[in-house]
C-alpha atoms as a PDB file:
ATOM      1  CA  MET A   1     112.143 132.627 105.929  1.00  0.00           C
ATOM      2  CA  TYR A   2     111.892 132.986 109.566  1.00  0.00           C
ATOM      3  CA  ALA A   3     108.939 134.041 112.037  1.00  0.00           C
ATOM      4  CA  SER A   4     109.698 135.833 114.997  1.00  0.00           C
ATOM      5  CA  LYS A   5     106.367 135.224 116.874  1.00  0.00           C
ATOM      6  CA  SER A   6     106.433 132.838 119.847  1.00  0.00           C
ATOM      7  CA  PRO A   7     103.690 130.055 120.413  1.00  0.00           C
ATOM      8  CA  ARG A   8     101.267 130.571 123.358  1.00  0.00           C
ATOM      9  CA  GLN A   9     103.350 127.987 125.252  1.00  0.00           C
ATOM     10  CA  ALA A  10     106.837 126.840 124.700  1.00  0.00           C
ATOM     11  CA  GLY A  11     105.348 123.622 123.780  1.00  0.00           C
ATOM     12  CA  LEU A  12     107.686 120.751 122.881  1.00  0.00           C
ATOM     13  CA  ALA A  13     110.665 122.829 122.498  1.00  0.00           C
ATOM     14  CA  HIS A  14     110.281 123.262 126.349  1.00  0.00           C
ATOM     15  CA  ASP A  15     109.398 119.738 126.536  1.00  0.00           C
ATOM     16  CA  ALA A  16     112.477 118.547 124.594  1.00  0.00           C
ATOM     17  CA  ALA A  17     114.695 120.322 127.057  1.00  0.00           C
ATOM     18  CA  ARG A  18     113.119 118.262 129.896  1.00  0.00           C
ATOM     19  CA  VAL A  19     112.235 114.975 128.229  1.00  0.00           C
ATOM     20  CA  ARG A  20     113.628 111.970 130.123  1.00  0.00           C
ATOM     21  CA  ARG A  21     116.744 110.367 128.603  1.00  0.00           C
ATOM     22  CA  GLY A  22     116.426 106.698 127.985  1.00  0.00           C
ATOM     23  CA  ARG A  23     118.958 103.883 128.761  1.00  0.00           C
ATOM     24  CA  GLY A  24     121.684 104.444 126.180  1.00  0.00           C
ATOM     25  CA  GLY A  25     120.185 107.499 124.863  1.00  0.00           C
ATOM     26  CA  ARG A  26     122.562 110.116 123.423  1.00  0.00           C
ATOM     27  CA  TRP A  27     120.618 112.755 122.068  1.00  0.00           C
ATOM     28  CA  LEU A  28     121.079 116.410 123.379  1.00  0.00           C
ATOM     29  CA  VAL A  29     118.996 119.375 122.913  1.00  0.00           C
ATOM     30  CA  CYS A  30     121.606 121.783 121.579  1.00  0.00           C
ATOM     31  CA  GLY A  31     119.587 124.927 120.376  1.00  0.00           C
ATOM     32  CA  PHE A  32     116.561 126.349 118.802  1.00  0.00           C
ATOM     33  CA  ALA A  33     115.580 127.628 115.407  1.00  0.00           C
ATOM     34  CA  LEU A  34     113.054 130.130 114.581  1.00  0.00           C
ATOM     35  CA  ALA A  35     110.217 127.926 112.952  1.00  0.00           C
ATOM     36  CA  LEU A  36     107.678 128.718 110.468  1.00  0.00           C
ATOM     37  CA  GLY A  37     105.059 126.377 112.250  1.00  0.00           C
ATOM     38  CA  TRP A  38     102.416 128.775 113.095  1.00  0.00           C
ATOM     39  CA  GLY A  39     104.864 131.303 114.718  1.00  0.00           C
ATOM     40  CA  GLY A  40     106.394 128.466 116.911  1.00  0.00           C
ATOM     41  CA  ARG A  41     109.988 127.743 117.792  1.00  0.00           C
ATOM     42  CA  SER A  42     111.962 124.473 116.665  1.00  0.00           C
ATOM     43  CA  ALA A  43     114.090 122.446 118.843  1.00  0.00           C
ATOM     44  CA  VAL A  44     117.267 121.212 117.143  1.00  0.00           C
ATOM     45  CA  VAL A  45     118.232 117.716 118.345  1.00  0.00           C
ATOM     46  CA  ALA A  46     121.560 116.313 117.751  1.00  0.00           C
ATOM     47  CA  ALA A  47     121.512 112.605 116.552  1.00  0.00           C
ATOM     48  CA  ALA A  48     124.345 110.022 117.416  1.00  0.00           C
ATOM     49  CA  GLU A  49     124.958 107.099 115.233  1.00  0.00           C
ATOM     50  CA  PRO A  50     122.843 104.188 116.561  1.00  0.00           C
ATOM     51  CA  PRO A  51     123.558 100.479 116.571  1.00  0.00           C
ATOM     52  CA  ALA A  52     122.397  98.629 113.497  1.00  0.00           C
ATOM     53  CA  ALA A  53     118.659  98.176 112.858  1.00  0.00           C
ATOM     54  CA  THR A  54     117.730 100.406 115.810  1.00  0.00           C
ATOM     55  CA  MET A  55     117.654 104.048 116.595  1.00  0.00           C
ATOM     56  CA  MET A  56     116.863 106.615 119.304  1.00  0.00           C
ATOM     57  CA  ALA A  57     113.517 108.510 119.324  1.00  0.00           C
ATOM     58  CA  VAL A  58     111.345 110.595 121.612  1.00  0.00           C
ATOM     59  CA  ARG A  59     108.222 108.715 122.081  1.00  0.00           C
ATOM     60  CA  LEU A  60     104.878 109.869 123.633  1.00  0.00           C
ATOM     61  CA  HIS A  61     103.793 107.273 126.149  1.00  0.00           C
ATOM     62  CA  GLY A  62     100.740 109.020 127.267  1.00  0.00           C
ATOM     63  CA  TYR A  63      98.760 112.241 126.632  1.00  0.00           C
ATOM     64  CA  GLY A  64      99.394 114.996 129.207  1.00  0.00           C
ATOM     65  CA  ASP A  65     102.383 116.853 130.325  1.00  0.00           C
ATOM     66  CA  VAL A  66     106.200 116.544 129.203  1.00  0.00           C
ATOM     67  CA  GLY A  67     106.675 113.618 131.783  1.00  0.00           C
ATOM     68  CA  ASN A  68     105.135 111.269 129.122  1.00  0.00           C
ATOM     69  CA  LEU A  69     107.813 111.882 126.707  1.00  0.00           C
ATOM     70  CA  HIS A  70     110.768 109.547 126.931  1.00  0.00           C
ATOM     71  CA  PHE A  71     113.879 108.737 124.950  1.00  0.00           C
ATOM     72  CA  ASP A  72     113.565 105.018 123.869  1.00  0.00           C
ATOM     73  CA  ARG A  73     115.515 102.906 121.688  1.00  0.00           C
ATOM     74  CA  VAL A  74     113.282 101.372 118.897  1.00  0.00           C
ATOM     75  CA  PRO A  75     113.606  99.497 115.409  1.00  0.00           C
ATOM     76  CA  ARG A  76     114.911 101.656 112.684  1.00  0.00           C
ATOM     77  CA  PRO A  77     112.320 101.860 109.769  1.00  0.00           C
ATOM     78  CA  GLU A  78     113.195 100.551 106.268  1.00  0.00           C
ATOM     79  CA  ALA A  79     112.307 102.458 103.243  1.00  0.00           C
ATOM     80  CA  ALA A  80     109.346 100.812 101.280  1.00  0.00           C
ATOM     81  CA  PRO A  81     108.612 101.052  97.748  1.00  0.00           C
ATOM     82  CA  GLY A  82     108.075 104.937  96.963  1.00  0.00           C
ATOM     83  CA  THR A  83     109.347 106.079 100.238  1.00  0.00           C
ATOM     84  CA  VAL A  84     112.791 107.451 101.442  1.00  0.00           C
ATOM     85  CA  ARG A  85     114.508 107.085 104.590  1.00  0.00           C
ATOM     86  CA  VAL A  86     116.131 110.212 106.051  1.00  0.00           C
ATOM     87  CA  ARG A  87     118.775 110.337 108.860  1.00  0.00           C
ATOM     88  CA  GLU A  88     117.694 113.560 110.591  1.00  0.00           C
ATOM     89  CA  PHE A  89     119.872 116.409 111.827  1.00  0.00           C
ATOM     90  CA  ALA A  90     116.964 118.570 112.881  1.00  0.00           C
ATOM     91  CA  ALA A  91     113.340 118.680 113.467  1.00  0.00           C
ATOM     92  CA  GLY A  92     110.843 121.468 113.638  1.00  0.00           C
ATOM     93  CA  ILE A  93     108.613 122.023 116.652  1.00  0.00           C
ATOM     94  CA  ASN A  94     105.062 123.595 116.131  1.00  0.00           C
ATOM     95  CA  PRO A  95     102.103 124.489 118.347  1.00  0.00           C
ATOM     96  CA  TYR A  96     100.504 121.141 116.645  1.00  0.00           C
ATOM     97  CA  ASP A  97     103.016 119.169 118.511  1.00  0.00           C
ATOM     98  CA  TRP A  98     102.301 120.169 121.997  1.00  0.00           C
ATOM     99  CA  LYS A  99      98.606 120.353 121.390  1.00  0.00           C
ATOM    100  CA  PHE A 100      98.948 116.579 120.079  1.00  0.00           C
ATOM    101  CA  ARG A 101     101.068 115.744 123.303  1.00  0.00           C
ATOM    102  CA  ASP A 102      98.356 117.328 125.435  1.00  0.00           C
ATOM    103  CA  GLY A 103      95.785 115.178 123.779  1.00  0.00           C
ATOM    104  CA  ASN A 104      93.706 118.239 122.418  1.00  0.00           C
ATOM    105  CA  LEU A 105      93.794 116.614 118.809  1.00  0.00           C
ATOM    106  CA  ARG A 106      92.402 113.329 119.644  1.00  0.00           C
ATOM    107  CA  ARG A 107      89.106 113.964 117.820  1.00  0.00           C
ATOM    108  CA  PHE A 108      91.241 114.266 114.668  1.00  0.00           C
ATOM    109  CA  PHE A 109      94.189 112.189 115.019  1.00  0.00           C
ATOM    110  CA  ASN A 110      94.085 109.528 117.798  1.00  0.00           C
ATOM    111  CA  PRO A 111      96.909 106.769 117.042  1.00  0.00           C
ATOM    112  CA  ALA A 112      97.863 104.015 119.357  1.00  0.00           C
ATOM    113  CA  LEU A 113     100.505 104.968 121.982  1.00  0.00           C
ATOM    114  CA  PRO A 114     103.496 104.947 122.287  1.00  0.00           C
ATOM    115  CA  ILE A 115     104.212 107.040 119.222  1.00  0.00           C
ATOM    116  CA  VAL A 116     106.993 109.167 117.935  1.00  0.00           C
ATOM    117  CA  PRO A 117     105.770 112.749 117.396  1.00  0.00           C
ATOM    118  CA  GLY A 118     107.168 115.365 115.005  1.00  0.00           C
ATOM    119  CA  ILE A 119     105.818 116.419 111.421  1.00  0.00           C
ATOM    120  CA  GLU A 120     108.998 118.422 109.881  1.00  0.00           C
ATOM    121  CA  PHE A 121     112.536 117.695 109.760  1.00  0.00           C
ATOM    122  CA  ALA A 122     115.820 118.060 107.789  1.00  0.00           C
ATOM    123  CA  GLY A 123     118.632 115.618 107.115  1.00  0.00           C
ATOM    124  CA  VAL A 124     120.445 113.382 104.697  1.00  0.00           C
ATOM    125  CA  VAL A 125     118.808 110.621 102.552  1.00  0.00           C
ATOM    126  CA  ASP A 126     119.900 107.390 103.849  1.00  0.00           C
ATOM    127  CA  GLN A 127     118.019 104.725 101.843  1.00  0.00           C
ATOM    128  CA  VAL A 128     115.562 104.819  99.007  1.00  0.00           C
ATOM    129  CA  GLY A 129     112.660 102.460  98.440  1.00  0.00           C
ATOM    130  CA  ALA A 130     112.022 100.606  94.829  1.00  0.00           C
ATOM    131  CA  GLY A 131     110.697 103.113  92.381  1.00  0.00           C
ATOM    132  CA  VAL A 132     112.368 106.300  93.842  1.00  0.00           C
ATOM    133  CA  MET A 133     114.242 108.007  90.999  1.00  0.00           C
ATOM    134  CA  ARG A 134     114.765 111.534  92.222  1.00  0.00           C
ATOM    135  CA  TRP A 135     116.556 110.788  95.505  1.00  0.00           C
ATOM    136  CA  LYS A 136     119.801 109.075  96.294  1.00  0.00           C
ATOM    137  CA  PRO A 137     121.735 108.398  99.551  1.00  0.00           C
ATOM    138  CA  GLY A 138     123.747 111.508 100.496  1.00  0.00           C
ATOM    139  CA  ASP A 139     121.063 114.024  99.296  1.00  0.00           C
ATOM    140  CA  ALA A 140     120.569 116.789 101.712  1.00  0.00           C
ATOM    141  CA  VAL A 141     116.910 117.192 102.248  1.00  0.00           C
ATOM    142  CA  TYR A 142     113.966 118.925 104.301  1.00  0.00           C
ATOM    143  CA  GLY A 143     110.416 117.742 104.316  1.00  0.00           C
ATOM    144  CA  TYR A 144     107.416 116.680 106.334  1.00  0.00           C
ATOM    145  CA  VAL A 145     105.837 113.296 107.346  1.00  0.00           C
ATOM    146  CA  GLY A 146     102.378 113.956 105.620  1.00  0.00           C
ATOM    147  CA  GLU A 147      98.877 114.765 106.763  1.00  0.00           C
ATOM    148  CA  ASP A 148      97.934 112.967 109.991  1.00  0.00           C
ATOM    149  CA  GLY A 149     101.386 111.823 110.248  1.00  0.00           C
ATOM    150  CA  ALA A 150     104.196 111.522 112.827  1.00  0.00           C
ATOM    151  CA  GLY A 151     107.645 110.356 113.476  1.00  0.00           C
ATOM    152  CA  ALA A 152     110.002 113.107 112.895  1.00  0.00           C
ATOM    153  CA  TYR A 153     111.439 113.272 116.530  1.00  0.00           C
ATOM    154  CA  ALA A 154     113.761 110.350 115.907  1.00  0.00           C
ATOM    155  CA  GLU A 155     117.170 109.661 114.274  1.00  0.00           C
ATOM    156  CA  TYR A 156     115.593 108.312 111.050  1.00  0.00           C
ATOM    157  CA  VAL A 157     112.121 108.796 109.477  1.00  0.00           C
ATOM    158  CA  VAL A 158     110.601 107.310 106.452  1.00  0.00           C
ATOM    159  CA  VAL A 159     108.275 109.325 104.142  1.00  0.00           C
ATOM    160  CA  PRO A 160     106.947 109.315 100.693  1.00  0.00           C
ATOM    161  CA  GLN A 161     109.514 110.610  98.125  1.00  0.00           C
ATOM    162  CA  GLY A 162     107.085 113.559  97.269  1.00  0.00           C
ATOM    163  CA  ASN A 163     107.319 115.029 100.767  1.00  0.00           C
ATOM    164  CA  LEU A 164     111.001 116.057 100.459  1.00  0.00           C
ATOM    165  CA  ALA A 165     112.766 118.996  98.795  1.00  0.00           C
ATOM    166  CA  HIS A 166     116.461 119.613  98.422  1.00  0.00           C
ATOM    167  CA  LYS A 167     117.858 121.615 101.171  1.00  0.00           C
ATOM    168  CA  PRO A 168     118.873 125.133  99.903  1.00  0.00           C
ATOM    169  CA  LYS A 169     122.711 125.399 100.305  1.00  0.00           C
ATOM    170  CA  ALA A 170     122.211 128.644 101.923  1.00  0.00           C
ATOM    171  CA  LEU A 171     120.455 127.220 104.825  1.00  0.00           C
ATOM    172  CA  ASP A 172     121.650 124.978 107.691  1.00  0.00           C
ATOM    173  CA  PHE A 173     119.664 121.958 108.849  1.00  0.00           C
ATOM    174  CA  ALA A 174     118.159 123.821 111.726  1.00  0.00           C
ATOM    175  CA  ALA A 175     116.822 126.507 109.573  1.00  0.00           C
ATOM    176  CA  ALA A 176     115.621 124.068 106.841  1.00  0.00           C
ATOM    177  CA  ALA A 177     113.804 121.985 109.407  1.00  0.00           C
ATOM    178  CA  ALA A 178     111.794 125.164 110.453  1.00  0.00           C
ATOM    179  CA  ILE A 179     110.219 125.865 107.148  1.00  0.00           C
ATOM    180  CA  PRO A 180     107.924 123.012 105.646  1.00  0.00           C
ATOM    181  CA  VAL A 181     104.687 123.083 107.723  1.00  0.00           C
ATOM    182  CA  ALA A 182     103.983 126.762 107.676  1.00  0.00           C
ATOM    183  CA  THR A 183     105.024 127.315 104.152  1.00  0.00           C
ATOM    184  CA  GLN A 184     102.845 124.347 102.965  1.00  0.00           C
ATOM    185  CA  THR A 185      99.982 125.760 104.804  1.00  0.00           C
ATOM    186  CA  ALA A 186     100.465 129.183 103.280  1.00  0.00           C
ATOM    187  CA  TRP A 187     100.981 127.698  99.747  1.00  0.00           C
ATOM    188  CA  LYS A 188      97.800 125.490  99.960  1.00  0.00           C
ATOM    189  CA  ALA A 189      95.594 128.502 101.288  1.00  0.00           C
ATOM    190  CA  LEU A 190      96.784 130.853  98.514  1.00  0.00           C
ATOM    191  CA  PHE A 191      97.218 128.595  95.406  1.00  0.00           C
ATOM    192  CA  GLU A 192      95.138 125.416  96.001  1.00  0.00           C
ATOM    193  CA  THR A 193      92.133 126.865  97.959  1.00  0.00           C
ATOM    194  CA  ALA A 194      91.788 130.712  97.048  1.00  0.00           C
ATOM    195  CA  ASP A 195      93.454 130.033  93.568  1.00  0.00           C
ATOM    196  CA  ALA A 196      95.355 133.308  93.859  1.00  0.00           C
ATOM    197  CA  LYS A 197      96.444 134.719  90.565  1.00  0.00           C
ATOM    198  CA  ARG A 198      99.261 137.021  89.403  1.00  0.00           C
ATOM    199  CA  GLY A 199      98.248 140.799  89.484  1.00  0.00           C
ATOM    200  CA  GLN A 200      95.557 140.271  92.253  1.00  0.00           C
ATOM    201  CA  ARG A 201      95.702 142.053  95.368  1.00  0.00           C
ATOM    202  CA  LEU A 202      95.771 139.974  98.566  1.00  0.00           C
ATOM    203  CA  LEU A 203      94.584 140.973 102.213  1.00  0.00           C
ATOM    204  CA  LEU A 204      96.475 138.974 104.613  1.00  0.00           C
ATOM    205  CA  GLN A 205      95.144 138.652 108.211  1.00  0.00           C
ATOM    206  CA  GLY A 206      97.770 137.705 110.795  1.00  0.00           C
ATOM    207  CA  GLY A 207     100.669 138.901 108.469  1.00  0.00           C
ATOM    208  CA  SER A 208     103.265 138.799 111.100  1.00  0.00           C
ATOM    209  CA  GLY A 209     103.041 135.042 112.227  1.00  0.00           C
ATOM    210  CA  ALA A 210     104.713 132.074 110.731  1.00  0.00           C
ATOM    211  CA  VAL A 211     102.164 131.242 107.904  1.00  0.00           C
ATOM    212  CA  GLY A 212     101.539 134.881 107.219  1.00  0.00           C
ATOM    213  CA  LEU A 213     105.139 135.655 106.734  1.00  0.00           C
ATOM    214  CA  ALA A 214     105.625 132.758 104.445  1.00  0.00           C
ATOM    215  CA  ALA A 215     102.288 133.743 102.500  1.00  0.00           C
ATOM    216  CA  ILE A 216     103.690 137.346 101.956  1.00  0.00           C
ATOM    217  CA  GLN A 217     106.750 135.721 100.400  1.00  0.00           C
ATOM    218  CA  LEU A 218     105.075 133.231  98.204  1.00  0.00           C
ATOM    219  CA  ALA A 219     102.358 135.711  97.024  1.00  0.00           C
ATOM    220  CA  ARG A 220     105.037 138.180  95.962  1.00  0.00           C
ATOM    221  CA  LEU A 221     106.864 135.568  93.992  1.00  0.00           C
ATOM    222  CA  ARG A 222     103.628 134.893  92.346  1.00  0.00           C
ATOM    223  CA  GLY A 223     103.174 138.390  91.238  1.00  0.00           C
ATOM    224  CA  LEU A 224     100.527 139.541  93.785  1.00  0.00           C
ATOM    225  CA  GLU A 225     100.301 142.784  95.656  1.00  0.00           C
ATOM    226  CA  VAL A 226     100.154 142.111  99.402  1.00  0.00           C
ATOM    227  CA  ALA A 227      98.373 144.126 102.121  1.00  0.00           C
ATOM    228  CA  ALA A 228      99.259 142.580 105.497  1.00  0.00           C
ATOM    229  CA  VAL A 229      97.353 143.037 108.854  1.00  0.00           C
ATOM    230  CA  ALA A 230      98.898 142.773 112.242  1.00  0.00           C
ATOM    231  CA  SER A 231     100.017 145.234 115.012  1.00  0.00           C
ATOM    232  CA  THR A 232     101.982 148.470 114.316  1.00  0.00           C
ATOM    233  CA  ALA A 233     105.132 146.880 115.989  1.00  0.00           C
ATOM    234  CA  LYS A 234     105.013 144.258 113.379  1.00  0.00           C
ATOM    235  CA  ALA A 235     104.627 146.508 110.325  1.00  0.00           C
ATOM    236  CA  ALA A 236     108.419 146.927 109.387  1.00  0.00           C
ATOM    237  CA  LEU A 237     108.728 143.160 109.622  1.00  0.00           C
ATOM    238  CA  MET A 238     105.959 142.360 107.167  1.00  0.00           C
ATOM    239  CA  ARG A 239     107.332 145.070 104.752  1.00  0.00           C
ATOM    240  CA  GLU A 240     110.744 143.349 105.037  1.00  0.00           C
ATOM    241  CA  TYR A 241     109.189 140.252 103.863  1.00  0.00           C
ATOM    242  CA  GLY A 242     107.414 142.080 100.953  1.00  0.00           C
ATOM    243  CA  ALA A 243     104.080 143.522 102.030  1.00  0.00           C
ATOM    244  CA  SER A 244     103.296 146.721 100.184  1.00  0.00           C
ATOM    245  CA  VAL A 245     100.770 147.891 102.648  1.00  0.00           C
ATOM    246  CA  THR A 246     100.215 147.237 106.367  1.00  0.00           C
ATOM    247  CA  TYR A 247      97.240 147.830 108.657  1.00  0.00           C
ATOM    248  CA  ASP A 248      97.123 147.744 112.387  1.00  0.00           C
ATOM    249  CA  TYR A 249      94.079 145.917 113.505  1.00  0.00           C
ATOM    250  CA  ARG A 250      93.833 147.675 116.791  1.00  0.00           C
ATOM    251  CA  LYS A 251      93.828 151.078 115.195  1.00  0.00           C
ATOM    252  CA  GLN A 252      91.977 150.577 111.928  1.00  0.00           C
ATOM    253  CA  ARG A 253      88.830 148.846 110.759  1.00  0.00           C
ATOM    254  CA  VAL A 254      90.414 146.995 108.061  1.00  0.00           C
ATOM    255  CA  VAL A 255      87.195 146.302 106.090  1.00  0.00           C
ATOM    256  CA  GLU A 256      86.696 150.122 105.696  1.00  0.00           C
ATOM    257  CA  VAL A 257      90.459 150.934 104.623  1.00  0.00           C
ATOM    258  CA  ALA A 258      91.712 148.094 102.708  1.00  0.00           C
END
């Protein structure tokens, strides 16, 4: 599942390419993956093996432009009971991330700085805490840090065990890291908030964006018929992902034809 729509700004994908390299830092921006994060792109960062008990991380030292992001060597986190530590091979970048960097989200999430940003990732389980039964070291996984969380732009991240899923064998780590946030957004909207049921018809606004494309697929898997709204240029894409009907919001009044 991929989204082709770019965010309003290049965001942290652009930031990552310009971030200041800290002393001893060995991370490189090596490419991009199309992300499901609200239509954003995902920067892929290759991690080097750090010295014992430390790791490299991108940290935000102050709100504002990319100059406030630095590569720092920081303590490596340990898995607490019920949590899992993952050695990362890729991290997703969403519009949320550059909005957080700019300081636009302080009303909702205002942690002490410096902080390691990032909310979705893919990698291999490195350590499990007490009480963790589902995961073991060596498992290839993808996941997210949790609501109001951060920490994915680092060589290691510790998350609750329920925030992980097995990485599909058909996906590389870059593609897997691009999936969690938008897919969960779509799932919660469809099945936890709207309580969508098999056999119902779904009218999906913004069907060509990251969340929209995820929602089309999830709805079809659950047996819903999907009518998706976007521009005519995106109609073929939405049909490819499973929409049975498409509408162009610039040419049609959806409330009259749907």
